[in-house]
Amino acid sequence: MLTVGDKFPSFNLTAVPGGPEGLKGQFVQISDETDAGKWKVVFFWPKDFTFVCPTEIVAFGKLSKEFADRDAVVYGVSIDSEFVHLNWRLHHDDLKDLPIAMLADIKRELTEGTGVLARDAGVALRATFVVDPQGVIRHVSVNDLSVGRNPQEIIRILDGLQSDELCPCNWKKGDDFIKV
């Protein structure tokens, strides 16, 4: 699995765009060059039409403005196709207003390239990568398939990384930094 300090892999995936455009059935291509110069939060979920996944996706979506305020873009990725993503958005009330893109990694290239393919299940683990504007991974976390993650914690970590300071345990934006 890729880790902190590694270069995030190149990718070019078909996606259901976020917002109202995502419900029109017109897909977009999103690559590692899309949103160049921004921080990227790339999170993987196992499969569409499951139970834990929409809770996480909706939670990331609700924080999309907070991520944007930090010059970060959020991409959600699973091994499902763009057609499955679209169908899920159209038929799941909580996903209809989703403001973030859902990327289709049907060949599992990005999932395998990051090392987050659950070998036995053949799906992505619940992995989250925070990638700096130069394409370097600055944070990675992975949860078991049965346990959802906390997107608010990713905001906290992004704030710490962007501060370029020493941040103590449980540090939050506005708290004091460690002085050496």
N, C-alpha and C. Protein backbone atom coordinates (compact mmCIF):
# COMPACT_ATOMS: atom_id res chain seq x y z
N MET A 1 0.84 -1.18 0.00
CA MET A 1 0.00 0.00 0.00
C MET A 1 0.89 1.24 0.00
N LEU A 2 0.48 2.25 -0.78
CA LEU A 2 1.21 3.51 -0.79
C LEU A 2 1.05 4.19 0.57
N THR A 3 2.05 5.00 0.91
CA THR A 3 2.03 5.65 2.21
C THR A 3 2.53 7.08 2.11
N VAL A 4 2.65 7.73 3.23
CA VAL A 4 3.08 9.11 3.31
C VAL A 4 4.45 9.26 2.64
N GLY A 5 4.55 10.27 1.78
CA GLY A 5 5.78 10.54 1.06
C GLY A 5 5.82 9.96 -0.34
N ASP A 6 4.96 8.98 -0.62
CA ASP A 6 4.88 8.40 -1.96
C ASP A 6 4.13 9.34 -2.89
N LYS A 7 4.42 9.22 -4.15
CA LYS A 7 3.69 9.97 -5.19
C LYS A 7 2.36 9.25 -5.43
N PHE A 8 1.27 10.00 -5.44
CA PHE A 8 -0.03 9.41 -5.75
C PHE A 8 -0.02 9.02 -7.22
N PRO A 9 -0.56 7.85 -7.58
CA PRO A 9 -0.48 7.39 -8.96
C PRO A 9 -1.26 8.27 -9.95
N SER A 10 -0.79 8.26 -11.17
CA SER A 10 -1.54 8.90 -12.26
C SER A 10 -2.82 8.10 -12.49
N PHE A 11 -3.87 8.80 -12.86
CA PHE A 11 -5.13 8.13 -13.16
C PHE A 11 -5.93 8.98 -14.12
N ASN A 12 -6.86 8.35 -14.79
CA ASN A 12 -7.81 9.03 -15.68
C ASN A 12 -9.07 8.17 -15.68
N LEU A 13 -10.07 8.59 -14.90
CA LEU A 13 -11.27 7.79 -14.69
C LEU A 13 -12.53 8.54 -15.10
N THR A 14 -13.51 7.81 -15.56
CA THR A 14 -14.82 8.36 -15.86
C THR A 14 -15.56 8.55 -14.54
N ALA A 15 -16.29 9.66 -14.45
CA ALA A 15 -16.95 9.98 -13.18
C ALA A 15 -18.34 10.55 -13.40
N VAL A 16 -19.15 10.38 -12.39
CA VAL A 16 -20.42 11.10 -12.28
C VAL A 16 -20.07 12.40 -11.55
N PRO A 17 -20.27 13.55 -12.20
CA PRO A 17 -19.90 14.80 -11.53
C PRO A 17 -20.79 15.07 -10.32
N GLY A 18 -20.28 15.88 -9.43
CA GLY A 18 -21.06 16.27 -8.28
C GLY A 18 -22.10 17.30 -8.64
N GLY A 19 -23.01 17.54 -7.73
CA GLY A 19 -24.04 18.55 -7.92
C GLY A 19 -25.13 18.10 -8.88
N PRO A 20 -25.98 19.04 -9.30
CA PRO A 20 -27.09 18.72 -10.19
C PRO A 20 -26.65 18.11 -11.52
N GLU A 21 -25.45 18.46 -11.98
CA GLU A 21 -24.93 17.91 -13.24
C GLU A 21 -24.83 16.39 -13.16
N GLY A 22 -24.56 15.88 -11.96
CA GLY A 22 -24.40 14.44 -11.78
C GLY A 22 -25.65 13.63 -12.03
N LEU A 23 -26.80 14.28 -12.01
CA LEU A 23 -28.06 13.57 -12.20
C LEU A 23 -28.54 13.59 -13.65
N LYS A 24 -27.78 14.24 -14.53
CA LYS A 24 -28.18 14.38 -15.93
C LYS A 24 -27.68 13.26 -16.82
N GLY A 25 -26.84 12.39 -16.28
CA GLY A 25 -26.35 11.27 -17.07
C GLY A 25 -25.21 11.61 -18.00
N GLN A 26 -24.62 12.76 -17.84
CA GLN A 26 -23.44 13.12 -18.64
C GLN A 26 -22.22 12.96 -17.76
N PHE A 27 -21.31 12.11 -18.23
CA PHE A 27 -20.14 11.78 -17.44
C PHE A 27 -18.97 12.69 -17.79
N VAL A 28 -17.99 12.74 -16.90
CA VAL A 28 -16.79 13.54 -17.09
C VAL A 28 -15.57 12.66 -16.85
N GLN A 29 -14.45 13.09 -17.39
CA GLN A 29 -13.17 12.43 -17.11
C GLN A 29 -12.47 13.22 -16.02
N ILE A 30 -11.98 12.53 -15.02
CA ILE A 30 -11.20 13.16 -13.96
C ILE A 30 -9.87 12.42 -13.89
N SER A 31 -8.81 13.21 -13.92
CA SER A 31 -7.47 12.63 -13.87
C SER A 31 -6.68 13.28 -12.74
N ASP A 32 -5.46 12.79 -12.57
CA ASP A 32 -4.59 13.39 -11.56
C ASP A 32 -4.24 14.83 -11.92
N GLU A 33 -4.45 15.22 -13.17
CA GLU A 33 -4.18 16.60 -13.62
C GLU A 33 -5.38 17.53 -13.40
N THR A 34 -6.56 16.94 -13.19
CA THR A 34 -7.75 17.74 -12.92
C THR A 34 -7.54 18.47 -11.59
N ASP A 35 -7.94 19.70 -11.53
CA ASP A 35 -7.78 20.52 -10.32
C ASP A 35 -6.31 20.62 -9.90
N ALA A 36 -5.44 20.77 -10.90
CA ALA A 36 -4.00 20.92 -10.62
C ALA A 36 -3.77 22.09 -9.67
N GLY A 37 -2.81 21.92 -8.79
CA GLY A 37 -2.46 22.96 -7.83
C GLY A 37 -3.29 22.95 -6.57
N LYS A 38 -4.27 22.04 -6.49
CA LYS A 38 -5.10 21.94 -5.28
C LYS A 38 -4.71 20.71 -4.46
N TRP A 39 -5.04 20.76 -3.20
CA TRP A 39 -4.97 19.57 -2.36
C TRP A 39 -6.08 18.64 -2.83
N LYS A 40 -5.85 17.35 -2.73
CA LYS A 40 -6.87 16.37 -3.12
C LYS A 40 -7.11 15.40 -1.96
N VAL A 41 -8.37 15.15 -1.70
CA VAL A 41 -8.76 14.11 -0.76
C VAL A 41 -9.43 13.05 -1.61
N VAL A 42 -8.80 11.89 -1.67
CA VAL A 42 -9.31 10.78 -2.48
C VAL A 42 -9.71 9.68 -1.52
N PHE A 43 -10.99 9.37 -1.50
CA PHE A 43 -11.44 8.32 -0.60
C PHE A 43 -12.10 7.20 -1.40
N PHE A 44 -11.84 5.99 -0.97
CA PHE A 44 -12.35 4.79 -1.63
C PHE A 44 -13.42 4.15 -0.76
N TRP A 45 -14.43 3.58 -1.40
CA TRP A 45 -15.41 2.76 -0.69
C TRP A 45 -15.55 1.46 -1.46
N PRO A 46 -16.04 0.40 -0.78
CA PRO A 46 -16.08 -0.92 -1.41
C PRO A 46 -17.02 -1.04 -2.62
N LYS A 47 -18.30 -0.74 -2.43
CA LYS A 47 -19.28 -0.94 -3.50
C LYS A 47 -20.47 -0.01 -3.32
N ASP A 48 -21.09 0.31 -4.43
CA ASP A 48 -22.35 1.06 -4.39
C ASP A 48 -23.48 0.12 -3.92
N PHE A 49 -24.58 0.73 -3.56
CA PHE A 49 -25.77 0.01 -3.10
C PHE A 49 -25.49 -0.87 -1.88
N THR A 50 -24.66 -0.34 -0.98
CA THR A 50 -24.37 -1.04 0.26
C THR A 50 -24.86 -0.17 1.42
N PHE A 51 -24.45 -0.47 2.63
CA PHE A 51 -25.06 0.15 3.79
C PHE A 51 -24.19 1.20 4.49
N VAL A 52 -22.92 0.90 4.71
CA VAL A 52 -22.02 1.84 5.38
C VAL A 52 -21.57 2.92 4.39
N CYS A 53 -21.34 2.54 3.15
CA CYS A 53 -20.78 3.46 2.15
C CYS A 53 -21.56 4.77 2.00
N PRO A 54 -22.88 4.76 1.87
CA PRO A 54 -23.56 6.04 1.67
C PRO A 54 -23.43 6.97 2.88
N THR A 55 -23.28 6.41 4.07
CA THR A 55 -23.12 7.27 5.25
C THR A 55 -21.83 8.07 5.14
N GLU A 56 -20.78 7.43 4.65
CA GLU A 56 -19.49 8.11 4.49
C GLU A 56 -19.54 9.10 3.33
N ILE A 57 -20.09 8.68 2.21
CA ILE A 57 -20.14 9.54 1.03
C ILE A 57 -20.92 10.81 1.32
N VAL A 58 -22.06 10.66 1.97
CA VAL A 58 -22.88 11.81 2.34
C VAL A 58 -22.11 12.71 3.31
N ALA A 59 -21.40 12.12 4.26
CA ALA A 59 -20.64 12.92 5.23
C ALA A 59 -19.53 13.72 4.54
N PHE A 60 -18.83 13.11 3.59
CA PHE A 60 -17.83 13.86 2.82
C PHE A 60 -18.50 14.97 2.02
N GLY A 61 -19.65 14.66 1.42
CA GLY A 61 -20.38 15.65 0.64
C GLY A 61 -20.80 16.85 1.48
N LYS A 62 -21.26 16.60 2.69
CA LYS A 62 -21.69 17.69 3.57
C LYS A 62 -20.53 18.61 3.94
N LEU A 63 -19.31 18.10 3.86
CA LEU A 63 -18.13 18.90 4.20
C LEU A 63 -17.44 19.47 2.96
N SER A 64 -18.04 19.32 1.78
CA SER A 64 -17.36 19.73 0.55
C SER A 64 -17.00 21.22 0.56
N LYS A 65 -17.86 22.06 1.10
CA LYS A 65 -17.54 23.49 1.16
C LYS A 65 -16.36 23.74 2.09
N GLU A 66 -16.30 23.01 3.20
CA GLU A 66 -15.16 23.17 4.11
C GLU A 66 -13.86 22.75 3.44
N PHE A 67 -13.91 21.66 2.65
CA PHE A 67 -12.72 21.24 1.91
C PHE A 67 -12.36 22.31 0.88
N ALA A 68 -13.35 22.82 0.15
CA ALA A 68 -13.11 23.85 -0.86
C ALA A 68 -12.50 25.10 -0.24
N ASP A 69 -12.95 25.47 0.96
CA ASP A 69 -12.39 26.62 1.67
C ASP A 69 -10.91 26.42 1.98
N ARG A 70 -10.47 25.18 1.98
CA ARG A 70 -9.06 24.84 2.25
C ARG A 70 -8.30 24.54 0.95
N ASP A 71 -8.87 24.95 -0.17
CA ASP A 71 -8.29 24.73 -1.49
C ASP A 71 -8.06 23.24 -1.76
N ALA A 72 -9.04 22.44 -1.34
CA ALA A 72 -8.97 20.99 -1.54
C ALA A 72 -10.22 20.53 -2.29
N VAL A 73 -10.02 19.52 -3.13
CA VAL A 73 -11.11 18.91 -3.86
C VAL A 73 -11.25 17.47 -3.36
N VAL A 74 -12.48 16.98 -3.31
CA VAL A 74 -12.74 15.63 -2.82
C VAL A 74 -13.21 14.76 -3.97
N TYR A 75 -12.56 13.60 -4.11
CA TYR A 75 -12.96 12.60 -5.10
C TYR A 75 -13.30 11.31 -4.37
N GLY A 76 -14.47 10.75 -4.66
CA GLY A 76 -14.84 9.45 -4.14
C GLY A 76 -14.64 8.41 -5.23
N VAL A 77 -14.13 7.23 -4.86
CA VAL A 77 -13.80 6.20 -5.83
C VAL A 77 -14.30 4.84 -5.37
N SER A 78 -14.88 4.09 -6.30
CA SER A 78 -15.15 2.67 -6.05
C SER A 78 -14.93 1.92 -7.36
N ILE A 79 -15.03 0.61 -7.28
CA ILE A 79 -14.81 -0.24 -8.46
C ILE A 79 -16.05 -0.33 -9.35
N ASP A 80 -17.12 0.31 -8.95
CA ASP A 80 -18.35 0.29 -9.73
C ASP A 80 -18.21 1.20 -10.95
N SER A 81 -19.04 0.96 -11.97
CA SER A 81 -19.01 1.78 -13.18
C SER A 81 -19.73 3.10 -12.95
N GLU A 82 -19.53 4.01 -13.88
CA GLU A 82 -20.21 5.30 -13.82
C GLU A 82 -21.73 5.12 -13.93
N PHE A 83 -22.17 4.08 -14.62
CA PHE A 83 -23.61 3.82 -14.76
C PHE A 83 -24.21 3.36 -13.44
N VAL A 84 -23.47 2.57 -12.70
CA VAL A 84 -23.92 2.13 -11.37
C VAL A 84 -23.94 3.33 -10.43
N HIS A 85 -22.88 4.16 -10.47
CA HIS A 85 -22.85 5.37 -9.64
C HIS A 85 -24.07 6.25 -9.92
N LEU A 86 -24.34 6.47 -11.20
CA LEU A 86 -25.48 7.32 -11.57
C LEU A 86 -26.79 6.72 -11.07
N ASN A 87 -26.98 5.45 -11.26
CA ASN A 87 -28.21 4.79 -10.81
C ASN A 87 -28.36 4.91 -9.30
N TRP A 88 -27.26 4.75 -8.58
CA TRP A 88 -27.31 4.87 -7.11
C TRP A 88 -27.70 6.29 -6.72
N ARG A 89 -27.10 7.28 -7.38
CA ARG A 89 -27.44 8.67 -7.07
C ARG A 89 -28.91 8.95 -7.36
N LEU A 90 -29.41 8.43 -8.46
CA LEU A 90 -30.80 8.68 -8.84
C LEU A 90 -31.80 8.02 -7.88
N HIS A 91 -31.41 6.92 -7.26
CA HIS A 91 -32.34 6.14 -6.45
C HIS A 91 -32.07 6.14 -4.95
N HIS A 92 -31.09 6.91 -4.50
CA HIS A 92 -30.81 7.00 -3.08
C HIS A 92 -30.99 8.47 -2.68
N ASP A 93 -32.03 8.75 -1.92
CA ASP A 93 -32.38 10.13 -1.59
C ASP A 93 -31.21 10.93 -1.03
N ASP A 94 -30.39 10.32 -0.19
CA ASP A 94 -29.28 11.05 0.43
C ASP A 94 -28.16 11.39 -0.56
N LEU A 95 -28.11 10.71 -1.70
CA LEU A 95 -27.05 10.94 -2.69
C LEU A 95 -27.47 11.87 -3.83
N LYS A 96 -28.75 12.19 -3.91
CA LYS A 96 -29.23 13.01 -5.03
C LYS A 96 -28.55 14.38 -5.09
N ASP A 97 -28.28 14.97 -3.95
CA ASP A 97 -27.67 16.30 -3.92
C ASP A 97 -26.16 16.25 -3.66
N LEU A 98 -25.56 15.12 -3.88
CA LEU A 98 -24.14 14.94 -3.60
C LEU A 98 -23.30 15.95 -4.40
N PRO A 99 -22.49 16.77 -3.71
CA PRO A 99 -21.71 17.78 -4.43
C PRO A 99 -20.34 17.32 -4.91
N ILE A 100 -19.98 16.07 -4.64
CA ILE A 100 -18.65 15.58 -5.04
C ILE A 100 -18.76 14.52 -6.13
N ALA A 101 -17.70 14.41 -6.90
CA ALA A 101 -17.67 13.45 -8.01
C ALA A 101 -17.48 12.02 -7.49
N MET A 102 -18.11 11.09 -8.21
CA MET A 102 -17.97 9.65 -7.92
C MET A 102 -17.21 9.03 -9.10
N LEU A 103 -15.97 8.61 -8.85
CA LEU A 103 -15.11 8.09 -9.89
C LEU A 103 -15.28 6.58 -10.04
N ALA A 104 -15.28 6.11 -11.27
CA ALA A 104 -15.48 4.70 -11.59
C ALA A 104 -14.13 4.05 -11.91
N ASP A 105 -13.69 3.17 -11.04
CA ASP A 105 -12.42 2.46 -11.21
C ASP A 105 -12.70 1.00 -11.57
N ILE A 106 -13.43 0.80 -12.67
CA ILE A 106 -13.89 -0.56 -13.00
C ILE A 106 -12.75 -1.50 -13.36
N LYS A 107 -11.63 -0.98 -13.82
CA LYS A 107 -10.47 -1.83 -14.10
C LYS A 107 -9.60 -2.03 -12.87
N ARG A 108 -9.97 -1.36 -11.78
CA ARG A 108 -9.26 -1.45 -10.51
C ARG A 108 -7.81 -0.92 -10.59
N GLU A 109 -7.55 -0.10 -11.57
CA GLU A 109 -6.18 0.42 -11.75
C GLU A 109 -5.76 1.33 -10.60
N LEU A 110 -6.61 2.26 -10.19
CA LEU A 110 -6.25 3.16 -9.09
C LEU A 110 -6.32 2.42 -7.76
N THR A 111 -7.31 1.56 -7.61
CA THR A 111 -7.44 0.77 -6.38
C THR A 111 -6.20 -0.10 -6.17
N GLU A 112 -5.76 -0.77 -7.22
CA GLU A 112 -4.55 -1.59 -7.12
C GLU A 112 -3.30 -0.72 -7.04
N GLY A 113 -3.28 0.39 -7.79
CA GLY A 113 -2.11 1.27 -7.80
C GLY A 113 -1.82 1.89 -6.45
N THR A 114 -2.85 2.10 -5.65
CA THR A 114 -2.66 2.63 -4.31
C THR A 114 -2.48 1.52 -3.28
N GLY A 115 -2.77 0.30 -3.69
CA GLY A 115 -2.60 -0.84 -2.79
C GLY A 115 -3.75 -1.06 -1.83
N VAL A 116 -4.94 -0.56 -2.16
CA VAL A 116 -6.07 -0.67 -1.22
C VAL A 116 -7.12 -1.69 -1.66
N LEU A 117 -6.76 -2.57 -2.58
CA LEU A 117 -7.69 -3.62 -2.98
C LEU A 117 -7.74 -4.70 -1.89
N ALA A 118 -8.92 -4.95 -1.37
CA ALA A 118 -9.10 -6.02 -0.37
C ALA A 118 -8.99 -7.34 -1.12
N ARG A 119 -7.93 -8.07 -0.91
CA ARG A 119 -7.63 -9.25 -1.72
C ARG A 119 -8.77 -10.26 -1.76
N ASP A 120 -9.31 -10.60 -0.62
CA ASP A 120 -10.36 -11.63 -0.58
C ASP A 120 -11.68 -11.14 -1.15
N ALA A 121 -12.00 -9.87 -0.91
CA ALA A 121 -13.30 -9.33 -1.33
C ALA A 121 -13.28 -8.78 -2.76
N GLY A 122 -12.10 -8.43 -3.28
CA GLY A 122 -12.00 -7.89 -4.63
C GLY A 122 -12.53 -6.48 -4.79
N VAL A 123 -12.68 -5.77 -3.68
CA VAL A 123 -13.17 -4.39 -3.68
C VAL A 123 -12.17 -3.51 -2.93
N ALA A 124 -12.37 -2.21 -3.01
CA ALA A 124 -11.49 -1.29 -2.30
C ALA A 124 -11.79 -1.30 -0.81
N LEU A 125 -10.74 -1.20 -0.02
CA LEU A 125 -10.90 -0.96 1.41
C LEU A 125 -11.37 0.48 1.60
N ARG A 126 -11.79 0.83 2.79
CA ARG A 126 -12.21 2.19 3.10
C ARG A 126 -10.95 3.03 3.36
N ALA A 127 -10.29 3.41 2.29
CA ALA A 127 -9.03 4.15 2.38
C ALA A 127 -9.24 5.61 2.04
N THR A 128 -8.47 6.47 2.70
CA THR A 128 -8.50 7.90 2.45
C THR A 128 -7.07 8.39 2.27
N PHE A 129 -6.84 9.13 1.20
CA PHE A 129 -5.54 9.73 0.93
C PHE A 129 -5.70 11.25 0.89
N VAL A 130 -4.80 11.96 1.57
CA VAL A 130 -4.70 13.41 1.43
C VAL A 130 -3.42 13.65 0.64
N VAL A 131 -3.59 14.30 -0.52
CA VAL A 131 -2.50 14.49 -1.47
C VAL A 131 -2.25 15.98 -1.62
N ASP A 132 -0.98 16.39 -1.49
CA ASP A 132 -0.66 17.82 -1.60
C ASP A 132 -0.67 18.27 -3.06
N PRO A 133 -0.57 19.58 -3.30
CA PRO A 133 -0.64 20.08 -4.69
C PRO A 133 0.46 19.55 -5.61
N GLN A 134 1.53 19.00 -5.06
CA GLN A 134 2.60 18.42 -5.87
C GLN A 134 2.37 16.94 -6.15
N GLY A 135 1.26 16.39 -5.66
CA GLY A 135 0.93 14.99 -5.90
C GLY A 135 1.55 14.02 -4.92
N VAL A 136 2.04 14.52 -3.79
CA VAL A 136 2.67 13.68 -2.77
C VAL A 136 1.64 13.36 -1.69
N ILE A 137 1.57 12.10 -1.31
CA ILE A 137 0.66 11.67 -0.26
C ILE A 137 1.18 12.20 1.07
N ARG A 138 0.32 12.92 1.78
CA ARG A 138 0.68 13.50 3.08
C ARG A 138 -0.04 12.83 4.24
N HIS A 139 -1.10 12.08 3.92
CA HIS A 139 -1.85 11.32 4.94
C HIS A 139 -2.54 10.16 4.25
N VAL A 140 -2.57 9.02 4.96
CA VAL A 140 -3.34 7.88 4.48
C VAL A 140 -3.93 7.18 5.69
N SER A 141 -5.18 6.76 5.56
CA SER A 141 -5.82 5.96 6.60
C SER A 141 -6.68 4.91 5.92
N VAL A 142 -6.80 3.76 6.57
CA VAL A 142 -7.58 2.66 6.00
C VAL A 142 -8.39 2.01 7.10
N ASN A 143 -9.65 1.80 6.82
CA ASN A 143 -10.54 1.11 7.74
C ASN A 143 -10.93 -0.24 7.16
N ASP A 144 -11.29 -1.16 8.03
CA ASP A 144 -11.84 -2.43 7.61
C ASP A 144 -13.15 -2.17 6.87
N LEU A 145 -13.57 -3.13 6.08
CA LEU A 145 -14.78 -2.97 5.27
C LEU A 145 -16.02 -2.66 6.10
N SER A 146 -16.07 -3.11 7.33
CA SER A 146 -17.29 -2.99 8.13
C SER A 146 -17.36 -1.70 8.95
N VAL A 147 -16.30 -0.87 8.93
CA VAL A 147 -16.26 0.30 9.81
C VAL A 147 -16.10 1.58 9.00
N GLY A 148 -17.05 2.49 9.16
CA GLY A 148 -16.99 3.77 8.47
C GLY A 148 -15.96 4.70 9.08
N ARG A 149 -15.53 5.67 8.29
CA ARG A 149 -14.51 6.63 8.74
C ARG A 149 -15.16 7.94 9.14
N ASN A 150 -14.35 8.87 9.65
CA ASN A 150 -14.82 10.16 10.12
C ASN A 150 -14.25 11.27 9.21
N PRO A 151 -15.02 11.76 8.25
CA PRO A 151 -14.52 12.82 7.37
C PRO A 151 -14.12 14.10 8.10
N GLN A 152 -14.74 14.37 9.24
CA GLN A 152 -14.36 15.56 10.02
C GLN A 152 -12.90 15.45 10.47
N GLU A 153 -12.44 14.25 10.74
CA GLU A 153 -11.03 14.05 11.12
C GLU A 153 -10.11 14.38 9.94
N ILE A 154 -10.56 14.12 8.73
CA ILE A 154 -9.75 14.44 7.55
C ILE A 154 -9.61 15.96 7.42
N ILE A 155 -10.65 16.71 7.74
CA ILE A 155 -10.57 18.18 7.77
C ILE A 155 -9.51 18.60 8.78
N ARG A 156 -9.54 18.02 9.97
CA ARG A 156 -8.57 18.37 11.02
C ARG A 156 -7.15 18.08 10.55
N ILE A 157 -6.95 16.92 9.93
CA ILE A 157 -5.62 16.55 9.45
C ILE A 157 -5.18 17.50 8.33
N LEU A 158 -6.08 17.83 7.42
CA LEU A 158 -5.76 18.77 6.35
C LEU A 158 -5.35 20.12 6.92
N ASP A 159 -6.07 20.60 7.93
CA ASP A 159 -5.71 21.86 8.58
C ASP A 159 -4.30 21.78 9.16
N GLY A 160 -4.00 20.68 9.82
CA GLY A 160 -2.66 20.51 10.40
C GLY A 160 -1.58 20.49 9.33
N LEU A 161 -1.82 19.74 8.26
CA LEU A 161 -0.83 19.66 7.18
C LEU A 161 -0.62 21.02 6.53
N GLN A 162 -1.69 21.76 6.32
CA GLN A 162 -1.57 23.06 5.68
C GLN A 162 -0.95 24.11 6.60
N SER A 163 -0.94 23.87 7.90
CA SER A 163 -0.35 24.84 8.83
C SER A 163 1.17 24.86 8.74
N ASP A 164 1.76 23.74 8.32
CA ASP A 164 3.22 23.61 8.26
C ASP A 164 3.87 23.79 9.63
N GLU A 165 3.12 23.48 10.66
CA GLU A 165 3.59 23.60 12.05
C GLU A 165 3.52 22.24 12.72
N LEU A 166 4.07 22.16 13.94
CA LEU A 166 3.96 20.95 14.75
C LEU A 166 2.63 21.00 15.49
N CYS A 167 1.78 20.03 15.24
CA CYS A 167 0.42 20.01 15.80
C CYS A 167 0.31 18.87 16.81
N PRO A 168 -0.02 19.18 18.07
CA PRO A 168 -0.14 18.13 19.07
C PRO A 168 -1.38 17.25 18.86
N CYS A 169 -1.45 16.19 19.61
CA CYS A 169 -2.59 15.28 19.60
C CYS A 169 -3.88 16.08 19.80
N ASN A 170 -4.89 15.75 19.03
CA ASN A 170 -6.21 16.38 19.10
C ASN A 170 -6.20 17.87 18.76
N TRP A 171 -5.14 18.35 18.14
CA TRP A 171 -5.05 19.75 17.72
C TRP A 171 -6.20 20.07 16.77
N LYS A 172 -6.73 21.27 16.89
CA LYS A 172 -7.75 21.77 15.97
C LYS A 172 -7.33 23.16 15.51
N LYS A 173 -7.79 23.53 14.33
CA LYS A 173 -7.48 24.85 13.78
C LYS A 173 -7.82 25.92 14.82
N GLY A 174 -6.85 26.79 15.07
CA GLY A 174 -7.03 27.84 16.08
C GLY A 174 -6.31 27.51 17.39
N ASP A 175 -6.02 26.23 17.62
CA ASP A 175 -5.26 25.85 18.82
C ASP A 175 -3.80 26.24 18.66
N ASP A 176 -3.10 26.24 19.77
CA ASP A 176 -1.66 26.54 19.75
C ASP A 176 -0.88 25.40 19.12
N PHE A 177 0.20 25.76 18.45
CA PHE A 177 1.13 24.78 17.90
C PHE A 177 2.18 24.45 18.96
N ILE A 178 2.90 23.40 18.74
CA ILE A 178 4.01 23.05 19.63
C ILE A 178 5.18 23.96 19.30
N LYS A 179 5.72 24.60 20.29
CA LYS A 179 6.90 25.48 20.13
C LYS A 179 8.12 24.71 20.61
N VAL A 180 9.12 24.63 19.76
CA VAL A 180 10.34 23.88 20.09
C VAL A 180 11.38 24.85 20.62
